[in-house]
Amino acid sequence: MNTGIYQITNLHNGKSYVGSAVNFRHRWREHVRQLGTNTHHSKVMQRAWDKYGEAAFEFKKLLVCAKADLIWFEQRAIDALKPAYNICKIAGSVLGYRHTDEFKAEASARAKGNTHRLGRKESPEYCEQAKRSRAMRKDCSHSEETKAKIAAAHLGRTISEERKEHLRQLNTGKKQSAETIEKRMQKLRGRTRPAEAIEKTRQALLGYKHTDAARLANSRSKTKLSEDDVREIRRRVAGGESQSSVAKAFGLTQSGVCSIHKRKTHALVI
């Protein structure tokens, strides 16, 4: 049997790459071809190959198994050996791999007007393999070390105004289904914030003062609106205008506009 799990090791630094192959010999030749033409998907392994050369790398079989078990054994090997040259840490998935901007532009150009996959159905074998891969990704959770690295990478990260505007445009007028709302409520029921988080919030708010604009909006939200104002607010929100813009127009808070729209307040105004 020539099917199983393999490892490519850099003899200079001990770093390695783990993968699965239907044919060991063909898979190694494909790696050599891609590395020799500077087209290998693992950029870190490509840089090491360019630096040390083919003679510095060793290919060896780790396990021989049936084709149907390749993904399962490959994932276990990745978890155990933690290969540095594997960009994708989930077997059978491209999770974690990032294409270059040039590749994205080329792929976008190729896909425009391409309809050859419309109505195409995948084989039962492919669907079963994809199902197993999804189940495996679901079972694999990040280690505490990985979680800490992700948190550190996002610490202090800010979203540009252009990105905020793009997200706002995408979500304007979008309504969640009743099932989605119910699922979210189920997760929040009985949920309590830890004492450390409450104390952290309290410390952050110590000495905080509202701006003059916020105080003015808060005072106006308590004023009595006419029935025509209430109808106009509901009409504009129902027409797709954002609640924040309506709140600015009437000198209210966004939560006040939301309450009027959902008839939590001024319920008798038709």
Protein backbone atom coordinates (compact mmCIF):
# COMPACT_ATOMS: atom_id res chain seq x y z
CA MET A 1 0.00 0.00 0.00
CA ASN A 2 1.40 3.38 -1.03
CA THR A 3 -1.16 5.57 0.75
CA GLY A 4 -0.68 7.28 4.11
CA ILE A 5 0.87 10.12 6.11
CA TYR A 6 4.31 11.60 5.42
CA GLN A 7 6.70 14.16 6.91
CA ILE A 8 9.16 16.48 5.18
CA THR A 9 11.91 17.57 7.60
CA ASN A 10 14.46 20.36 7.30
CA LEU A 11 17.70 18.75 8.51
CA HIS A 12 19.23 22.14 9.38
CA ASN A 13 16.65 23.34 11.92
CA GLY A 14 14.37 20.35 12.52
CA LYS A 15 11.25 22.12 11.25
CA SER A 16 8.86 19.94 9.29
CA TYR A 17 5.77 19.65 7.12
CA VAL A 18 3.13 16.92 7.59
CA GLY A 19 0.70 15.81 4.91
CA SER A 20 -1.28 12.91 3.47
CA ALA A 21 -0.80 11.23 0.13
CA VAL A 22 -2.65 8.75 -2.06
CA ASN A 23 0.73 8.01 -3.64
CA PHE A 24 3.88 8.87 -1.64
CA ARG A 25 6.20 9.07 -4.63
CA HIS A 26 3.91 11.29 -6.69
CA ARG A 27 3.23 13.59 -3.74
CA TRP A 28 6.94 14.12 -3.02
CA ARG A 29 7.62 14.84 -6.69
CA GLU A 30 4.80 17.40 -6.65
CA HIS A 31 6.31 19.12 -3.61
CA VAL A 32 9.71 19.25 -5.31
CA ARG A 33 8.18 20.65 -8.49
CA GLN A 34 6.27 23.41 -6.67
CA LEU A 35 9.24 24.33 -4.48
CA GLY A 36 11.55 24.38 -7.48
CA THR A 37 9.22 26.74 -9.39
CA ASN A 38 8.53 28.96 -6.35
CA THR A 39 4.80 28.12 -6.38
CA HIS A 40 4.48 26.13 -3.15
CA HIS A 41 1.48 27.01 -0.95
CA SER A 42 3.62 27.07 2.23
CA LYS A 43 5.59 30.32 1.98
CA VAL A 44 7.71 29.54 5.05
CA MET A 45 8.73 26.19 3.60
CA GLN A 46 9.39 27.86 0.24
CA ARG A 47 11.76 30.37 1.84
CA ALA A 48 13.60 27.56 3.67
CA TRP A 49 13.91 25.58 0.43
CA ASP A 50 15.33 28.61 -1.38
CA LYS A 51 17.84 29.14 1.44
CA TYR A 52 19.04 25.57 2.11
CA GLY A 53 18.25 23.72 -1.12
CA GLU A 54 16.69 20.32 -1.83
CA ALA A 55 19.54 18.38 -0.17
CA ALA A 56 18.56 19.82 3.23
CA PHE A 57 15.11 18.21 3.18
CA GLU A 58 14.20 14.62 4.04
CA PHE A 59 10.95 12.89 3.01
CA LYS A 60 9.79 9.95 5.09
CA LYS A 61 6.63 7.91 5.61
CA LEU A 62 5.01 8.17 9.02
CA LEU A 63 2.04 5.86 8.57
CA VAL A 64 0.46 3.66 5.92
CA CYS A 65 -3.34 3.61 5.99
CA ALA A 66 -6.45 3.32 3.84
CA LYS A 67 -7.44 6.25 1.66
CA ALA A 68 -10.66 6.77 3.63
CA ASP A 69 -8.66 7.34 6.85
CA LEU A 70 -6.13 9.84 5.49
CA ILE A 71 -7.73 13.01 6.90
CA TRP A 72 -8.25 11.48 10.35
CA PHE A 73 -4.63 10.29 10.71
CA GLU A 74 -3.22 13.47 9.17
CA GLN A 75 -5.00 15.61 11.77
CA ARG A 76 -3.67 13.45 14.60
CA ALA A 77 -0.14 13.76 13.20
CA ILE A 78 -0.45 17.55 12.94
CA ASP A 79 -1.72 17.77 16.52
CA ALA A 80 1.10 15.60 17.84
CA LEU A 81 4.07 16.93 15.84
CA LYS A 82 2.98 20.58 15.45
CA PRO A 83 4.83 21.03 12.13
CA ALA A 84 6.10 24.59 11.61
CA TYR A 85 5.75 24.51 7.83
CA ASN A 86 2.02 23.66 7.84
CA ILE A 87 0.13 26.91 7.30
CA CYS A 88 -3.25 25.18 7.61
CA LYS A 89 -3.50 23.46 10.98
CA ILE A 90 -6.73 21.64 10.08
CA ALA A 91 -6.37 18.61 7.80
CA GLY A 92 -8.45 18.80 4.64
CA SER A 93 -9.05 22.52 5.13
CA VAL A 94 -7.45 25.78 3.96
CA LEU A 95 -8.31 27.48 7.26
CA GLY A 96 -5.50 29.88 8.16
CA TYR A 97 -4.12 30.22 4.62
CA ARG A 98 -4.11 33.69 3.08
CA HIS A 99 -3.86 34.30 -0.66
CA THR A 100 -1.82 37.19 -1.96
CA ASP A 101 -3.55 40.24 -3.46
CA GLU A 102 -2.23 39.28 -6.91
CA PHE A 103 -3.75 35.80 -6.66
CA LYS A 104 -7.09 37.24 -5.50
CA ALA A 105 -7.17 39.63 -8.45
CA GLU A 106 -6.37 36.82 -10.92
CA ALA A 107 -8.98 34.50 -9.38
CA SER A 108 -11.59 37.26 -9.51
CA ALA A 109 -10.86 37.93 -13.18
CA ARG A 110 -11.11 34.22 -14.01
CA ALA A 111 -14.40 33.78 -12.16
CA LYS A 112 -16.22 36.68 -13.83
CA GLY A 113 -18.81 35.29 -16.22
CA ASN A 114 -17.89 31.70 -15.38
CA THR A 115 -21.09 29.63 -15.08
CA HIS A 116 -19.77 26.10 -15.72
CA ARG A 117 -20.46 25.03 -12.08
CA LEU A 118 -24.08 26.21 -12.00
CA GLY A 119 -26.34 23.27 -11.14
CA ARG A 120 -23.38 20.94 -10.62
CA LYS A 121 -23.74 18.25 -7.96
CA GLU A 122 -20.78 16.79 -6.13
CA SER A 123 -20.29 13.02 -5.82
CA PRO A 124 -21.48 11.24 -2.65
CA GLU A 125 -17.86 10.42 -1.80
CA TYR A 126 -16.85 14.10 -1.96
CA CYS A 127 -19.85 15.13 0.16
CA GLU A 128 -18.99 12.50 2.78
CA GLN A 129 -15.37 13.64 2.91
CA ALA A 130 -16.45 17.29 3.29
CA LYS A 131 -18.85 16.29 6.07
CA ARG A 132 -16.08 14.49 7.97
CA SER A 133 -13.75 17.45 7.51
CA ARG A 134 -16.35 19.87 8.92
CA ALA A 135 -16.98 17.59 11.89
CA MET A 136 -13.25 17.36 12.57
CA ARG A 137 -12.86 21.16 12.45
CA LYS A 138 -15.76 21.48 14.87
CA ASP A 139 -14.14 19.05 17.33
CA CYS A 140 -10.75 20.82 17.22
CA SER A 141 -10.58 23.70 19.69
CA HIS A 142 -7.77 26.22 20.10
CA SER A 143 -5.25 25.68 22.85
CA GLU A 144 -4.85 28.30 25.58
CA GLU A 145 -1.56 29.37 24.00
CA THR A 146 -3.23 29.91 20.61
CA LYS A 147 -6.08 31.82 22.22
CA ALA A 148 -3.57 34.10 23.96
CA LYS A 149 -1.78 34.75 20.65
CA ILE A 150 -5.06 35.61 18.90
CA ALA A 151 -6.03 37.97 21.73
CA ALA A 152 -2.62 39.69 21.61
CA ALA A 153 -2.86 40.10 17.82
CA HIS A 154 -6.23 41.87 18.12
CA LEU A 155 -5.31 43.99 21.14
CA GLY A 156 -5.54 47.68 20.29
CA ARG A 157 -6.82 46.94 16.80
CA THR A 158 -9.08 49.64 15.37
CA ILE A 159 -11.50 49.58 12.46
CA SER A 160 -11.14 52.32 9.85
CA GLU A 161 -14.01 54.69 9.14
CA GLU A 162 -14.31 53.26 5.61
CA ARG A 163 -14.70 49.75 7.02
CA LYS A 164 -17.28 50.94 9.54
CA GLU A 165 -19.27 52.61 6.77
CA HIS A 166 -19.04 49.47 4.63
CA LEU A 167 -20.36 47.31 7.49
CA ARG A 168 -23.13 49.80 8.17
CA GLN A 169 -24.24 49.68 4.53
CA LEU A 170 -24.22 45.87 4.58
CA ASN A 171 -26.37 45.66 7.72
CA THR A 172 -28.81 48.51 6.97
CA GLY A 173 -32.30 47.10 6.74
CA LYS A 174 -31.13 43.58 7.57
CA LYS A 175 -33.44 41.76 9.96
CA GLN A 176 -32.63 38.65 11.93
CA SER A 177 -34.95 35.68 11.75
CA ALA A 178 -37.05 34.65 14.74
CA GLU A 179 -34.94 31.49 15.09
CA THR A 180 -31.69 33.50 15.25
CA ILE A 181 -33.10 35.85 17.88
CA GLU A 182 -34.35 32.92 19.95
CA LYS A 183 -30.95 31.17 19.79
CA ARG A 184 -29.20 34.32 20.96
CA MET A 185 -31.68 34.78 23.81
CA GLN A 186 -31.19 31.16 24.89
CA LYS A 187 -27.44 31.76 25.19
CA LEU A 188 -27.94 34.95 27.20
CA ARG A 189 -30.55 33.59 29.63
CA GLY A 190 -29.07 33.06 33.07
CA ARG A 191 -25.73 34.46 31.96
CA THR A 192 -23.94 36.61 34.54
CA ARG A 193 -20.85 38.75 34.17
CA PRO A 194 -17.89 37.80 36.39
CA ALA A 195 -17.05 40.13 39.25
CA GLU A 196 -13.71 41.00 37.62
CA ALA A 197 -15.44 42.26 34.46
CA ILE A 198 -17.93 44.33 36.47
CA GLU A 199 -15.13 45.92 38.49
CA LYS A 200 -13.13 46.63 35.33
CA THR A 201 -16.12 48.40 33.77
CA ARG A 202 -16.73 50.41 36.95
CA GLN A 203 -13.10 51.53 37.07
CA ALA A 204 -13.21 52.55 33.40
CA LEU A 205 -16.30 54.72 33.99
CA LEU A 206 -14.94 56.50 37.07
CA GLY A 207 -14.69 60.20 36.35
CA TYR A 208 -16.40 59.84 32.94
CA LYS A 209 -18.49 62.83 31.90
CA HIS A 210 -21.02 63.00 29.09
CA THR A 211 -20.42 65.50 26.33
CA ASP A 212 -22.71 68.50 25.93
CA ALA A 213 -24.24 66.92 22.82
CA ALA A 214 -25.03 63.71 24.70
CA ARG A 215 -26.60 65.61 27.60
CA LEU A 216 -28.69 67.67 25.16
CA ALA A 217 -29.89 64.55 23.34
CA ASN A 218 -30.75 62.89 26.65
CA SER A 219 -32.76 65.91 27.80
CA ARG A 220 -34.63 66.09 24.48
CA SER A 221 -35.46 62.39 24.65
CA LYS A 222 -37.50 63.15 27.74
CA THR A 223 -39.51 65.90 26.06
CA LYS A 224 -42.99 65.20 24.78
CA LEU A 225 -43.19 64.45 21.06
CA SER A 226 -46.22 65.31 18.99
CA GLU A 227 -48.20 62.53 17.37
CA ASP A 228 -47.02 63.72 13.95
CA ASP A 229 -43.40 63.42 15.13
CA VAL A 230 -44.00 59.86 16.30
CA ARG A 231 -45.62 58.89 12.99
CA GLU A 232 -42.77 60.51 11.03
CA ILE A 233 -40.16 58.64 13.10
CA ARG A 234 -41.87 55.30 12.46
CA ARG A 235 -42.31 56.06 8.77
CA ARG A 236 -38.63 56.92 8.27
CA VAL A 237 -37.36 53.88 10.19
CA ALA A 238 -39.76 51.56 8.33
CA GLY A 239 -38.53 53.08 5.08
CA GLY A 240 -35.00 51.85 5.77
CA GLU A 241 -33.40 54.97 7.28
CA SER A 242 -31.00 54.19 10.10
CA GLN A 243 -32.19 54.79 13.65
CA SER A 244 -29.08 56.83 14.41
CA SER A 245 -29.81 59.36 11.64
CA VAL A 246 -33.45 59.62 12.71
CA ALA A 247 -32.33 60.16 16.30
CA LYS A 248 -30.07 63.03 15.22
CA ALA A 249 -32.87 64.62 13.20
CA PHE A 250 -35.26 64.68 16.16
CA GLY A 251 -32.69 65.23 18.90
CA LEU A 252 -33.31 61.83 20.48
CA THR A 253 -31.19 58.89 21.51
CA GLN A 254 -31.05 55.83 19.28
CA SER A 255 -32.64 53.70 22.00
CA GLY A 256 -35.51 56.21 22.18
CA VAL A 257 -36.11 55.91 18.44
CA CYS A 258 -35.97 52.12 18.74
CA SER A 259 -38.61 52.16 21.50
CA ILE A 260 -40.89 54.34 19.40
CA HIS A 261 -40.43 52.13 16.34
CA LYS A 262 -41.22 48.95 18.30
CA ARG A 263 -44.18 50.71 20.01
CA LYS A 264 -42.71 50.28 23.45
CA THR A 265 -43.47 53.96 23.88
CA HIS A 266 -46.26 56.03 22.29
CA ALA A 267 -48.11 52.79 21.65
CA LEU A 268 -51.47 54.57 21.32
CA VAL A 269 -50.30 56.66 18.35
CA ILE A 270 -51.47 54.97 15.16
